[in-house]
């Protein structure tokens, strides 16, 4: 066998192995080719990053209802600001490790909905945002905000029942 033929054969063999092992390698090394969502528990901002070969190729930081509503500074600046929420890697985009702040971005979206339902003024929005951010910092997970959100949903339910009682128009179902 000639030397060029051996290299060609080796290249074909390695290419075949890569294609066969790619799904397994992606699960073992999810950072190889993935997208990652994070939450900043001091500001309430979200961040979406894309990684290829363990190198970040894009990153987008965006405001959530919490970051838009909050005013002033957060007292406890000693905590690590950015925390992982989701990591999705092909071929199984539906698989994601369960992080401590796994539900935080959903909770931020839930707060946005609550602001609309409660018709909250900017001071009330800032107060709610501050409570949720403080709860995340104190508990070190998204569990801290669950009680706050439950109370807010009950408040929204009571205000909805009150609007039914006084004859205000109801949303279409």
Protein backbone atom coordinates (compact mmCIF):
# COMPACT_ATOMS: atom_id res chain seq x y z
CA UNK A 1 0.00 0.00 0.00
CA UNK A 2 1.22 3.43 -0.83
CA UNK A 3 1.62 6.11 1.80
CA UNK A 4 -1.08 8.35 0.23
CA UNK A 5 -3.56 5.48 0.25
CA UNK A 6 -2.93 4.86 3.97
CA UNK A 7 -3.61 8.51 4.79
CA UNK A 8 -6.79 8.48 2.70
CA UNK A 9 -7.95 5.31 4.43
CA UNK A 10 -7.17 6.83 7.83
CA UNK A 11 -9.10 10.00 6.94
CA UNK A 12 -12.13 8.00 5.83
CA UNK A 13 -11.97 5.87 8.97
CA UNK A 14 -11.75 8.91 11.27
CA UNK A 15 -14.57 10.66 9.41
CA UNK A 16 -16.76 7.57 9.78
CA UNK A 17 -15.99 7.27 13.49
CA UNK A 18 -16.77 10.94 14.00
CA UNK A 19 -20.16 10.57 12.34
CA UNK A 20 -20.95 7.43 14.33
CA UNK A 21 -19.81 8.79 17.69
CA UNK A 22 -21.14 12.34 17.29
CA UNK A 23 -24.46 11.70 19.11
CA UNK A 24 -22.67 10.05 22.02
CA UNK A 25 -19.93 12.68 22.20
CA UNK A 26 -22.54 15.46 22.20
CA UNK A 27 -24.14 14.00 25.30
CA UNK A 28 -20.85 13.40 27.08
CA UNK A 29 -19.46 16.83 26.12
CA UNK A 30 -22.52 19.10 25.80
CA UNK A 31 -20.33 22.20 25.54
CA UNK A 32 -18.93 20.95 22.25
CA UNK A 33 -21.87 22.30 20.26
CA UNK A 34 -24.65 23.87 22.31
CA UNK A 35 -26.79 26.82 23.24
CA UNK A 36 -26.85 28.08 26.80
CA UNK A 37 -29.30 30.38 28.61
CA UNK A 38 -28.36 32.24 31.78
CA UNK A 39 -29.98 34.67 34.23
CA UNK A 40 -28.32 37.51 36.12
CA UNK A 41 -29.74 37.34 39.64
CA UNK A 42 -28.60 40.89 40.43
CA UNK A 43 -30.19 42.66 37.45
CA UNK A 44 -32.77 40.17 36.15
CA UNK A 45 -31.31 40.20 32.64
CA UNK A 46 -31.16 37.09 30.46
CA UNK A 47 -28.29 35.92 28.27
CA UNK A 48 -28.32 33.49 25.33
CA UNK A 49 -24.97 32.06 24.14
CA UNK A 50 -24.00 29.68 21.34
CA UNK A 51 -20.92 27.45 21.58
CA UNK A 52 -19.07 25.47 18.92
CA UNK A 53 -16.05 23.34 19.89
CA UNK A 54 -16.26 24.77 23.44
CA UNK A 55 -15.79 28.31 22.08
CA UNK A 56 -18.54 30.91 22.43
CA UNK A 57 -19.41 32.10 18.92
CA UNK A 58 -22.33 34.40 19.80
CA UNK A 59 -23.84 35.98 22.86
CA UNK A 60 -26.95 38.10 23.33
CA UNK A 61 -27.89 39.83 26.58
CA UNK A 62 -31.51 40.93 26.82
CA UNK A 63 -33.87 42.56 29.28
CA UNK A 64 -36.63 40.65 31.02
CA UNK A 65 -39.66 42.10 32.81
CA UNK A 66 -37.59 42.00 36.01
CA UNK A 67 -34.66 44.00 34.65
CA UNK A 68 -37.00 46.54 33.04
CA UNK A 69 -38.99 47.01 36.25
CA UNK A 70 -36.25 47.20 38.84
CA UNK A 71 -34.73 50.45 40.05
CA UNK A 72 -31.65 51.14 42.11
CA UNK A 73 -29.04 48.57 43.05
CA UNK A 74 -29.29 45.16 44.63
CA UNK A 75 -27.87 45.01 48.18
CA UNK A 76 -26.00 41.70 48.01
CA UNK A 77 -23.33 42.08 45.31
CA UNK A 78 -21.18 39.25 46.68
CA UNK A 79 -23.18 36.57 44.85
CA UNK A 80 -22.10 35.30 41.46
CA UNK A 81 -24.24 37.30 39.05
CA UNK A 82 -24.81 34.94 36.09
CA UNK A 83 -26.31 31.48 36.63
CA UNK A 84 -27.05 28.75 34.12
CA UNK A 85 -30.68 28.12 33.27
CA UNK A 86 -30.62 25.78 30.24
CA UNK A 87 -28.06 24.01 28.08
CA UNK A 88 -29.25 22.36 24.87
CA UNK A 89 -26.94 20.29 22.67
CA UNK A 90 -27.74 18.41 19.45
CA UNK A 91 -28.79 15.80 18.57
CA UNK A 92 -31.02 15.80 21.64
CA UNK A 93 -32.12 19.44 21.84
CA UNK A 94 -34.84 18.40 24.28
CA UNK A 95 -32.33 17.27 26.92
CA UNK A 96 -31.18 19.83 29.47
CA UNK A 97 -29.45 19.36 32.82
CA UNK A 98 -31.50 20.63 35.76
CA UNK A 99 -29.72 23.72 37.07
CA UNK A 100 -30.51 25.51 40.34
CA UNK A 101 -32.03 28.40 38.36
CA UNK A 102 -33.68 26.13 35.78
CA UNK A 103 -37.05 27.93 35.98
CA UNK A 104 -35.79 31.49 36.44
CA UNK A 105 -36.36 32.72 32.88
CA UNK A 106 -39.84 31.21 32.95
CA UNK A 107 -40.49 32.99 36.23
CA UNK A 108 -39.37 36.28 34.64
CA UNK A 109 -41.84 35.71 31.80
CA UNK A 110 -44.52 34.85 34.36
CA UNK A 111 -43.85 38.15 36.14
CA UNK A 112 -44.37 40.00 32.85
CA UNK A 113 -47.79 38.38 32.54
CA UNK A 114 -48.60 39.19 36.17
CA UNK A 115 -47.70 42.85 35.60
CA UNK A 116 -50.32 42.97 32.84
CA UNK A 117 -52.99 41.09 34.81
CA UNK A 118 -52.47 43.18 37.95
CA UNK A 119 -52.14 46.40 35.93
CA UNK A 120 -49.22 47.20 38.23
CA UNK A 121 -47.80 50.71 38.46
CA UNK A 122 -44.06 51.17 37.96
CA UNK A 123 -43.43 51.40 41.74
CA UNK A 124 -45.25 48.10 42.31
CA UNK A 125 -43.34 46.48 39.42
CA UNK A 126 -40.03 47.61 40.93
CA UNK A 127 -41.07 46.24 44.34
CA UNK A 128 -42.02 42.85 42.88
CA UNK A 129 -38.82 42.65 40.81
CA UNK A 130 -36.73 43.50 43.87
CA UNK A 131 -38.49 40.81 45.94
CA UNK A 132 -37.89 38.12 43.33
CA UNK A 133 -34.24 39.03 42.76
CA UNK A 134 -33.66 39.11 46.53
CA UNK A 135 -35.36 35.70 46.92
CA UNK A 136 -33.13 34.20 44.19
CA UNK A 137 -30.04 35.58 45.90
CA UNK A 138 -31.00 34.45 49.38
CA UNK A 139 -32.00 30.89 48.44
CA UNK A 140 -29.41 30.32 45.72
CA UNK A 141 -32.07 28.84 43.40
CA UNK A 142 -35.31 29.66 41.62
CA UNK A 143 -37.27 28.05 44.49
CA UNK A 144 -37.17 31.30 46.46
CA UNK A 145 -39.52 33.06 44.05
CA UNK A 146 -42.21 30.37 43.99
CA UNK A 147 -44.00 31.64 47.11
CA UNK A 148 -43.91 35.23 45.84
CA UNK A 149 -45.38 34.21 42.48
CA UNK A 150 -48.07 32.10 44.16
CA UNK A 151 -49.14 35.09 46.28
CA UNK A 152 -49.19 37.32 43.21
CA UNK A 153 -51.35 34.85 41.27
CA UNK A 154 -53.78 34.73 44.21
CA UNK A 155 -53.85 38.53 44.23
CA UNK A 156 -54.55 38.50 40.48
CA UNK A 157 -57.37 35.99 41.01
CA UNK A 158 -58.94 38.17 43.70
CA UNK A 159 -58.70 41.28 41.50
CA UNK A 160 -60.23 39.31 38.61
CA UNK A 161 -63.15 38.22 40.82
CA UNK A 162 -63.61 41.82 41.98
CA UNK A 163 -63.78 43.03 38.38
CA UNK A 164 -66.44 40.38 37.66
CA UNK A 165 -68.45 41.60 40.67
CA UNK A 166 -68.48 45.25 39.58
CA UNK A 167 -69.23 44.39 35.96
CA UNK A 168 -65.95 45.17 34.25
CA UNK A 169 -65.45 43.50 30.86
CA UNK A 170 -63.71 40.11 31.03
CA UNK A 171 -61.10 38.79 28.60
CA UNK A 172 -62.30 36.41 25.90
CA UNK A 173 -61.63 32.76 26.70
